[in-house]
Amino acid sequence: MDMHVHLLGQSSPASYLERYTLNPADLALKGTLYARRTLEAGFTTVRDVGGEATASRALRDAIRLGDVVGPRMFIATQSLASRARRP
């Protein structure tokens, strides 16, 4: 299990710009490649954190239905974090 992955993208010189130029469908399609690579690396279950909600759900559901090869996905599209209190 890997409990902190980002299957919708990977860090690269172009990744910053892609956040503004790719739509959720593009992200889901790219995610199919990263999902397969993750499964082939031996991870059968992952928690995808902070991904675009629509694309993450689409990828998770496609894997669940057997339409896409990838690990079982649990998704967390919103982060939960504490905030420091300011005086």
PDB file of N, CA and C in Angstrom:
ATOM      1  N   MET A   1       0.840  -1.191   0.000  1.00  0.00           N
ATOM      2  CA  MET A   1       0.000   0.000   0.000  1.00  0.00           C
ATOM      3  C   MET A   1       0.876   1.243   0.000  1.00  0.00           C
ATOM      4  N   ASP A   2       0.423   2.229  -0.727  1.00  0.00           N
ATOM      5  CA  ASP A   2       1.053   3.548  -0.664  1.00  0.00           C
ATOM      6  C   ASP A   2      -0.067   4.517  -0.311  1.00  0.00           C
ATOM      7  N   MET A   3       0.053   5.146   0.815  1.00  0.00           N
ATOM      8  CA  MET A   3      -1.035   5.984   1.318  1.00  0.00           C
ATOM      9  C   MET A   3      -0.887   7.464   0.981  1.00  0.00           C
ATOM     10  N   HIS A   4       0.031   7.799   0.062  1.00  0.00           N
ATOM     11  CA  HIS A   4       0.156   9.188  -0.384  1.00  0.00           C
ATOM     12  C   HIS A   4       0.697   9.198  -1.807  1.00  0.00           C
ATOM     13  N   VAL A   5      -0.223   9.139  -2.765  1.00  0.00           N
ATOM     14  CA  VAL A   5       0.162   9.188  -4.178  1.00  0.00           C
ATOM     15  C   VAL A   5      -0.613  10.294  -4.883  1.00  0.00           C
ATOM     16  N   HIS A   6      -0.136  10.616  -6.072  1.00  0.00           N
ATOM     17  CA  HIS A   6      -0.807  11.575  -6.956  1.00  0.00           C
ATOM     18  C   HIS A   6      -0.857  10.923  -8.329  1.00  0.00           C
ATOM     19  N   LEU A   7      -1.882  10.117  -8.568  1.00  0.00           N
ATOM     20  CA  LEU A   7      -1.964   9.379  -9.825  1.00  0.00           C
ATOM     21  C   LEU A   7      -2.356  10.245 -11.018  1.00  0.00           C
ATOM     22  N   LEU A   8      -2.842  11.436 -10.774  1.00  0.00           N
ATOM     23  CA  LEU A   8      -3.256  12.282 -11.889  1.00  0.00           C
ATOM     24  C   LEU A   8      -2.106  13.063 -12.503  1.00  0.00           C
ATOM     25  N   GLY A   9      -0.947  12.973 -11.927  1.00  0.00           N
ATOM     26  CA  GLY A   9       0.185  13.704 -12.485  1.00  0.00           C
ATOM     27  C   GLY A   9       1.457  13.309 -11.789  1.00  0.00           C
ATOM     28  N   GLN A  10       2.538  13.734 -12.369  1.00  0.00           N
ATOM     29  CA  GLN A  10       3.837  13.488 -11.756  1.00  0.00           C
ATOM     30  C   GLN A  10       4.651  14.758 -11.852  1.00  0.00           C
ATOM     31  N   SER A  11       5.598  14.875 -10.993  1.00  0.00           N
ATOM     32  CA  SER A  11       6.435  16.066 -10.966  1.00  0.00           C
ATOM     33  C   SER A  11       7.344  16.088 -12.191  1.00  0.00           C
ATOM     34  N   SER A  12       7.300  17.193 -12.888  1.00  0.00           N
ATOM     35  CA  SER A  12       8.136  17.364 -14.074  1.00  0.00           C
ATOM     36  C   SER A  12       8.258  18.859 -14.346  1.00  0.00           C
ATOM     37  N   PRO A  13       9.133  19.248 -15.262  1.00  0.00           N
ATOM     38  CA  PRO A  13       9.232  20.667 -15.594  1.00  0.00           C
ATOM     39  C   PRO A  13       7.916  21.256 -16.113  1.00  0.00           C
ATOM     40  N   ALA A  14       7.072  20.426 -16.723  1.00  0.00           N
ATOM     41  CA  ALA A  14       5.814  20.920 -17.291  1.00  0.00           C
ATOM     42  C   ALA A  14       4.645  20.847 -16.303  1.00  0.00           C
ATOM     43  N   SER A  15       4.817  20.188 -15.158  1.00  0.00           N
ATOM     44  CA  SER A  15       3.677  19.930 -14.284  1.00  0.00           C
ATOM     45  C   SER A  15       3.032  21.192 -13.718  1.00  0.00           C
ATOM     46  N   TYR A  16       3.797  22.221 -13.449  1.00  0.00           N
ATOM     47  CA  TYR A  16       3.204  23.456 -12.932  1.00  0.00           C
ATOM     48  C   TYR A  16       2.236  24.054 -13.955  1.00  0.00           C
ATOM     49  N   LEU A  17       2.661  24.146 -15.192  1.00  0.00           N
ATOM     50  CA  LEU A  17       1.824  24.709 -16.247  1.00  0.00           C
ATOM     51  C   LEU A  17       0.612  23.831 -16.537  1.00  0.00           C
ATOM     52  N   GLU A  18       0.771  22.519 -16.445  1.00  0.00           N
ATOM     53  CA  GLU A  18      -0.334  21.602 -16.737  1.00  0.00           C
ATOM     54  C   GLU A  18      -1.514  21.798 -15.799  1.00  0.00           C
ATOM     55  N   ARG A  19      -1.281  22.284 -14.578  1.00  0.00           N
ATOM     56  CA  ARG A  19      -2.398  22.551 -13.663  1.00  0.00           C
ATOM     57  C   ARG A  19      -3.362  23.572 -14.256  1.00  0.00           C
ATOM     58  N   TYR A  20      -2.875  24.406 -15.152  1.00  0.00           N
ATOM     59  CA  TYR A  20      -3.704  25.468 -15.735  1.00  0.00           C
ATOM     60  C   TYR A  20      -4.139  25.163 -17.161  1.00  0.00           C
ATOM     61  N   THR A  21      -3.507  24.208 -17.813  1.00  0.00           N
ATOM     62  CA  THR A  21      -3.810  23.957 -19.216  1.00  0.00           C
ATOM     63  C   THR A  21      -4.564  22.653 -19.467  1.00  0.00           C
ATOM     64  N   LEU A  22      -4.530  21.727 -18.529  1.00  0.00           N
ATOM     65  CA  LEU A  22      -5.226  20.456 -18.715  1.00  0.00           C
ATOM     66  C   LEU A  22      -6.576  20.486 -18.015  1.00  0.00           C
ATOM     67  N   ASN A  23      -7.564  19.850 -18.631  1.00  0.00           N
ATOM     68  CA  ASN A  23      -8.885  19.764 -18.003  1.00  0.00           C
ATOM     69  C   ASN A  23      -9.009  18.411 -17.297  1.00  0.00           C
ATOM     70  N   PRO A  24     -10.082  18.201 -16.522  1.00  0.00           N
ATOM     71  CA  PRO A  24     -10.216  16.950 -15.770  1.00  0.00           C
ATOM     72  C   PRO A  24     -10.142  15.688 -16.640  1.00  0.00           C
ATOM     73  N   ALA A  25     -10.661  15.743 -17.856  1.00  0.00           N
ATOM     74  CA  ALA A  25     -10.579  14.572 -18.732  1.00  0.00           C
ATOM     75  C   ALA A  25      -9.126  14.273 -19.095  1.00  0.00           C
ATOM     76  N   ASP A  26      -8.346  15.308 -19.386  1.00  0.00           N
ATOM     77  CA  ASP A  26      -6.924  15.117 -19.680  1.00  0.00           C
ATOM     78  C   ASP A  26      -6.216  14.476 -18.493  1.00  0.00           C
ATOM     79  N   LEU A  27      -6.527  14.966 -17.299  1.00  0.00           N
ATOM     80  CA  LEU A  27      -5.889  14.435 -16.091  1.00  0.00           C
ATOM     81  C   LEU A  27      -6.235  12.959 -15.887  1.00  0.00           C
ATOM     82  N   ALA A  28      -7.503  12.606 -16.088  1.00  0.00           N
ATOM     83  CA  ALA A  28      -7.925  11.215 -15.917  1.00  0.00           C
ATOM     84  C   ALA A  28      -7.221  10.309 -16.915  1.00  0.00           C
ATOM     85  N   LEU A  29      -7.076  10.776 -18.159  1.00  0.00           N
ATOM     86  CA  LEU A  29      -6.377   9.963 -19.163  1.00  0.00           C
ATOM     87  C   LEU A  29      -4.908   9.777 -18.818  1.00  0.00           C
ATOM     88  N   LYS A  30      -4.255  10.846 -18.378  1.00  0.00           N
ATOM     89  CA  LYS A  30      -2.857  10.714 -17.938  1.00  0.00           C
ATOM     90  C   LYS A  30      -2.769   9.790 -16.736  1.00  0.00           C
ATOM     91  N   GLY A  31      -3.766   9.843 -15.878  1.00  0.00           N
ATOM     92  CA  GLY A  31      -3.789   9.015 -14.686  1.00  0.00           C
ATOM     93  C   GLY A  31      -3.813   7.528 -14.990  1.00  0.00           C
ATOM     94  N   THR A  32      -4.373   7.136 -16.135  1.00  0.00           N
ATOM     95  CA  THR A  32      -4.401   5.712 -16.482  1.00  0.00           C
ATOM     96  C   THR A  32      -2.982   5.171 -16.643  1.00  0.00           C
ATOM     97  N   LEU A  33      -2.094   5.973 -17.198  1.00  0.00           N
ATOM     98  CA  LEU A  33      -0.691   5.573 -17.356  1.00  0.00           C
ATOM     99  C   LEU A  33      -0.010   5.436 -15.993  1.00  0.00           C
ATOM    100  N   TYR A  34      -0.201   6.436 -15.125  1.00  0.00           N
ATOM    101  CA  TYR A  34       0.434   6.407 -13.807  1.00  0.00           C
ATOM    102  C   TYR A  34      -0.148   5.298 -12.933  1.00  0.00           C
ATOM    103  N   ALA A  35      -1.455   5.003 -13.107  1.00  0.00           N
ATOM    104  CA  ALA A  35      -2.076   3.917 -12.339  1.00  0.00           C
ATOM    105  C   ALA A  35      -1.457   2.576 -12.730  1.00  0.00           C
ATOM    106  N   ARG A  36      -1.285   2.348 -14.017  1.00  0.00           N
ATOM    107  CA  ARG A  36      -0.680   1.091 -14.471  1.00  0.00           C
ATOM    108  C   ARG A  36       0.748   0.969 -13.939  1.00  0.00           C
ATOM    109  N   ARG A  37       1.512   2.040 -14.041  1.00  0.00           N
ATOM    110  CA  ARG A  37       2.902   2.007 -13.552  1.00  0.00           C
ATOM    111  C   ARG A  37       2.955   1.713 -12.059  1.00  0.00           C
ATOM    112  N   THR A  38       2.020   2.288 -11.319  1.00  0.00           N
ATOM    113  CA  THR A  38       1.989   2.083  -9.871  1.00  0.00           C
ATOM    114  C   THR A  38       1.681   0.625  -9.543  1.00  0.00           C
ATOM    115  N   LEU A  39       0.710   0.044 -10.248  1.00  0.00           N
ATOM    116  CA  LEU A  39       0.386  -1.363 -10.036  1.00  0.00           C
ATOM    117  C   LEU A  39       1.566  -2.258 -10.418  1.00  0.00           C
ATOM    118  N   GLU A  40       2.203  -1.956 -11.538  1.00  0.00           N
ATOM    119  CA  GLU A  40       3.351  -2.753 -11.979  1.00  0.00           C
ATOM    120  C   GLU A  40       4.536  -2.634 -11.017  1.00  0.00           C
ATOM    121  N   ALA A  41       4.586  -1.550 -10.259  1.00  0.00           N
ATOM    122  CA  ALA A  41       5.634  -1.386  -9.249  1.00  0.00           C
ATOM    123  C   ALA A  41       5.326  -2.197  -7.983  1.00  0.00           C
ATOM    124  N   GLY A  42       4.136  -2.798  -7.936  1.00  0.00           N
ATOM    125  CA  GLY A  42       3.796  -3.669  -6.824  1.00  0.00           C
ATOM    126  C   GLY A  42       2.795  -3.120  -5.832  1.00  0.00           C
ATOM    127  N   PHE A  43       2.290  -1.928  -6.071  1.00  0.00           N
ATOM    128  CA  PHE A  43       1.313  -1.347  -5.151  1.00  0.00           C
ATOM    129  C   PHE A  43      -0.090  -1.732  -5.606  1.00  0.00           C
ATOM    130  N   THR A  44      -0.802  -2.490  -4.778  1.00  0.00           N
ATOM    131  CA  THR A  44      -2.149  -2.949  -5.129  1.00  0.00           C
ATOM    132  C   THR A  44      -3.239  -2.055  -4.550  1.00  0.00           C
ATOM    133  N   THR A  45      -2.882  -1.198  -3.604  1.00  0.00           N
ATOM    134  CA  THR A  45      -3.835  -0.277  -2.981  1.00  0.00           C
ATOM    135  C   THR A  45      -3.126   1.053  -2.756  1.00  0.00           C
ATOM    136  N   VAL A  46      -3.802   2.147  -3.104  1.00  0.00           N
ATOM    137  CA  VAL A  46      -3.226   3.475  -2.890  1.00  0.00           C
ATOM    138  C   VAL A  46      -4.296   4.416  -2.371  1.00  0.00           C
ATOM    139  N   ARG A  47      -3.824   5.477  -1.713  1.00  0.00           N
ATOM    140  CA  ARG A  47      -4.698   6.605  -1.376  1.00  0.00           C
ATOM    141  C   ARG A  47      -4.176   7.780  -2.172  1.00  0.00           C
ATOM    142  N   ASP A  48      -5.011   8.251  -3.082  1.00  0.00           N
ATOM    143  CA  ASP A  48      -4.654   9.387  -3.923  1.00  0.00           C
ATOM    144  C   ASP A  48      -5.103  10.657  -3.211  1.00  0.00           C
ATOM    145  N   VAL A  49      -4.174  11.541  -2.940  1.00  0.00           N
ATOM    146  CA  VAL A  49      -4.481  12.719  -2.139  1.00  0.00           C
ATOM    147  C   VAL A  49      -4.377  14.008  -2.943  1.00  0.00           C
ATOM    148  N   GLY A  50      -5.350  14.882  -2.726  1.00  0.00           N
ATOM    149  CA  GLY A  50      -5.290  16.217  -3.290  1.00  0.00           C
ATOM    150  C   GLY A  50      -5.509  16.324  -4.780  1.00  0.00           C
ATOM    151  N   GLY A  51      -6.022  15.277  -5.408  1.00  0.00           N
ATOM    152  CA  GLY A  51      -6.245  15.323  -6.855  1.00  0.00           C
ATOM    153  C   GLY A  51      -7.524  16.061  -7.212  1.00  0.00           C
ATOM    154  N   GLU A  52      -7.664  16.383  -8.463  1.00  0.00           N
ATOM    155  CA  GLU A  52      -8.883  17.015  -8.969  1.00  0.00           C
ATOM    156  C   GLU A  52     -10.023  16.014  -8.774  1.00  0.00           C
ATOM    157  N   ALA A  53     -11.086  16.424  -8.108  1.00  0.00           N
ATOM    158  CA  ALA A  53     -12.126  15.504  -7.652  1.00  0.00           C
ATOM    159  C   ALA A  53     -12.777  14.710  -8.773  1.00  0.00           C
ATOM    160  N   THR A  54     -13.191  15.356  -9.849  1.00  0.00           N
ATOM    161  CA  THR A  54     -13.881  14.670 -10.934  1.00  0.00           C
ATOM    162  C   THR A  54     -12.984  13.632 -11.592  1.00  0.00           C
ATOM    163  N   ALA A  55     -11.750  14.004 -11.878  1.00  0.00           N
ATOM    164  CA  ALA A  55     -10.821  13.091 -12.534  1.00  0.00           C
ATOM    165  C   ALA A  55     -10.445  11.938 -11.607  1.00  0.00           C
ATOM    166  N   SER A  56     -10.237  12.219 -10.328  1.00  0.00           N
ATOM    167  CA  SER A  56      -9.901  11.164  -9.371  1.00  0.00           C
ATOM    168  C   SER A  56     -11.015  10.139  -9.268  1.00  0.00           C
ATOM    169  N   ARG A  57     -12.251  10.620  -9.193  1.00  0.00           N
ATOM    170  CA  ARG A  57     -13.394   9.699  -9.112  1.00  0.00           C
ATOM    171  C   ARG A  57     -13.523   8.873 -10.381  1.00  0.00           C
ATOM    172  N   ALA A  58     -13.340   9.515 -11.538  1.00  0.00           N
ATOM    173  CA  ALA A  58     -13.447   8.799 -12.810  1.00  0.00           C
ATOM    174  C   ALA A  58     -12.390   7.699 -12.914  1.00  0.00           C
ATOM    175  N   LEU A  59     -11.161   8.007 -12.529  1.00  0.00           N
ATOM    176  CA  LEU A  59     -10.095   7.016 -12.576  1.00  0.00           C
ATOM    177  C   LEU A  59     -10.369   5.883 -11.592  1.00  0.00           C
ATOM    178  N   ARG A  60     -10.743   6.216 -10.372  1.00  0.00           N
ATOM    179  CA  ARG A  60     -11.060   5.203  -9.364  1.00  0.00           C
ATOM    180  C   ARG A  60     -12.163   4.269  -9.850  1.00  0.00           C
ATOM    181  N   ASP A  61     -13.220   4.842 -10.412  1.00  0.00           N
ATOM    182  CA  ASP A  61     -14.353   4.043 -10.864  1.00  0.00           C
ATOM    183  C   ASP A  61     -13.995   3.174 -12.070  1.00  0.00           C
ATOM    184  N   ALA A  62     -13.183   3.698 -12.982  1.00  0.00           N
ATOM    185  CA  ALA A  62     -12.761   2.914 -14.151  1.00  0.00           C
ATOM    186  C   ALA A  62     -11.905   1.728 -13.730  1.00  0.00           C
ATOM    187  N   ILE A  63     -11.049   1.920 -12.740  1.00  0.00           N
ATOM    188  CA  ILE A  63     -10.246   0.808 -12.215  1.00  0.00           C
ATOM    189  C   ILE A  63     -11.159  -0.211 -11.548  1.00  0.00           C
ATOM    190  N   ARG A  64     -12.098   0.271 -10.756  1.00  0.00           N
ATOM    191  CA  ARG A  64     -13.025  -0.618 -10.045  1.00  0.00           C
ATOM    192  C   ARG A  64     -13.848  -1.468 -11.021  1.00  0.00           C
ATOM    193  N   LEU A  65     -14.240  -0.878 -12.159  1.00  0.00           N
ATOM    194  CA  LEU A  65     -15.033  -1.602 -13.151  1.00  0.00           C
ATOM    195  C   LEU A  65     -14.192  -2.512 -14.039  1.00  0.00           C
ATOM    196  N   GLY A  66     -12.871  -2.386 -13.951  1.00  0.00           N
ATOM    197  CA  GLY A  66     -12.001  -3.203 -14.780  1.00  0.00           C
ATOM    198  C   GLY A  66     -11.721  -2.610 -16.148  1.00  0.00           C
ATOM    199  N   ASP A  67     -12.134  -1.371 -16.376  1.00  0.00           N
ATOM    200  CA  ASP A  67     -11.888  -0.709 -17.659  1.00  0.00           C
ATOM    201  C   ASP A  67     -10.465  -0.192 -17.773  1.00  0.00           C
ATOM    202  N   VAL A  68      -9.829   0.050 -16.648  1.00  0.00           N
ATOM    203  CA  VAL A  68      -8.461   0.560 -16.586  1.00  0.00           C
ATOM    204  C   VAL A  68      -7.681  -0.314 -15.611  1.00  0.00           C
ATOM    205  N   VAL A  69      -6.425  -0.582 -15.945  1.00  0.00           N
ATOM    206  CA  VAL A  69      -5.565  -1.370 -15.064  1.00  0.00           C
ATOM    207  C   VAL A  69      -4.916  -0.444 -14.047  1.00  0.00           C
ATOM    208  N   GLY A  70      -5.073  -0.765 -12.792  1.00  0.00           N
ATOM    209  CA  GLY A  70      -4.473   0.055 -11.751  1.00  0.00           C
ATOM    210  C   GLY A  70      -4.769  -0.508 -10.378  1.00  0.00           C
ATOM    211  N   PRO A  71      -4.181   0.095  -9.359  1.00  0.00           N
ATOM    212  CA  PRO A  71      -4.398  -0.372  -7.987  1.00  0.00           C
ATOM    213  C   PRO A  71      -5.756   0.084  -7.455  1.00  0.00           C
ATOM    214  N   ARG A  72      -6.234  -0.598  -6.430  1.00  0.00           N
ATOM    215  CA  ARG A  72      -7.442  -0.149  -5.738  1.00  0.00           C
ATOM    216  C   ARG A  72      -7.164   1.248  -5.208  1.00  0.00           C
ATOM    217  N   MET A  73      -8.085   2.162  -5.449  1.00  0.00           N
ATOM    218  CA  MET A  73      -7.865   3.558  -5.057  1.00  0.00           C
ATOM    219  C   MET A  73      -8.832   4.002  -3.975  1.00  0.00           C
ATOM    220  N   PHE A  74      -8.289   4.635  -2.968  1.00  0.00           N
ATOM    221  CA  PHE A  74      -9.063   5.416  -2.015  1.00  0.00           C
ATOM    222  C   PHE A  74      -8.656   6.854  -2.290  1.00  0.00           C
ATOM    223  N   ILE A  75      -9.625   7.726  -2.433  1.00  0.00           N
ATOM    224  CA  ILE A  75      -9.278   9.106  -2.800  1.00  0.00           C
ATOM    225  C   ILE A  75      -9.610  10.073  -1.677  1.00  0.00           C
ATOM    226  N   ALA A  76      -8.774  11.081  -1.562  1.00  0.00           N
ATOM    227  CA  ALA A  76      -8.970  12.172  -0.610  1.00  0.00           C
ATOM    228  C   ALA A  76      -8.718  13.449  -1.399  1.00  0.00           C
ATOM    229  N   THR A  77      -9.780  14.053  -1.918  1.00  0.00           N
ATOM    230  CA  THR A  77      -9.610  15.206  -2.797  1.00  0.00           C
ATOM    231  C   THR A  77      -9.384  16.512  -2.043  1.00  0.00           C
ATOM    232  N   GLN A  78      -9.788  16.559  -0.806  1.00  0.00           N
ATOM    233  CA  GLN A  78      -9.574  17.746   0.020  1.00  0.00           C
ATOM    234  C   GLN A  78      -8.676  17.386   1.188  1.00  0.00           C
ATOM    235  N   SER A  79      -7.757  18.266   1.511  1.00  0.00           N
ATOM    236  CA  SER A  79      -6.876  17.955   2.632  1.00  0.00           C
ATOM    237  C   SER A  79      -7.506  18.421   3.940  1.00  0.00           C
ATOM    238  N   LEU A  80      -7.161  17.717   4.982  1.00  0.00           N
ATOM    239  CA  LEU A  80      -7.545  18.109   6.327  1.00  0.00           C
ATOM    240  C   LEU A  80      -6.265  18.503   7.040  1.00  0.00           C
ATOM    241  N   ALA A  81      -6.199  19.725   7.487  1.00  0.00           N
ATOM    242  CA  ALA A  81      -4.986  20.191   8.152  1.00  0.00           C
ATOM    243  C   ALA A  81      -5.356  21.196   9.230  1.00  0.00           C
ATOM    244  N   SER A  82      -4.540  21.236  10.236  1.00  0.00           N
ATOM    245  CA  SER A  82      -4.779  22.217  11.290  1.00  0.00           C
ATOM    246  C   SER A  82      -4.157  23.548  10.872  1.00  0.00           C
ATOM    247  N   ARG A  83      -4.721  24.599  11.363  1.00  0.00           N
ATOM    248  CA  ARG A  83      -4.195  25.928  11.079  1.00  0.00           C
ATOM    249  C   ARG A  83      -3.622  26.505  12.365  1.00  0.00           C
ATOM    250  N   ALA A  84      -2.531  27.156  12.222  1.00  0.00           N
ATOM    251  CA  ALA A  84      -1.938  27.826  13.378  1.00  0.00           C
ATOM    252  C   ALA A  84      -2.820  29.026  13.742  1.00  0.00           C
ATOM    253  N   ARG A  85      -3.072  29.190  15.002  1.00  0.00           N
ATOM    254  CA  ARG A  85      -3.874  30.340  15.452  1.00  0.00           C
ATOM    255  C   ARG A  85      -2.969  31.550  15.568  1.00  0.00           C
ATOM    256  N   ARG A  86      -3.458  32.617  15.044  1.00  0.00           N
ATOM    257  CA  ARG A  86      -2.709  33.871  15.153  1.00  0.00           C
ATOM    258  C   ARG A  86      -3.214  34.645  16.353  1.00  0.00           C
ATOM    259  N   PRO A  87      -2.301  35.228  17.100  1.00  0.00           N
ATOM    260  CA  PRO A  87      -2.726  35.999  18.283  1.00  0.00           C
ATOM    261  C   PRO A  87      -3.463  37.263  17.913  1.00  0.00           C
TER     262      PRO A  87
END
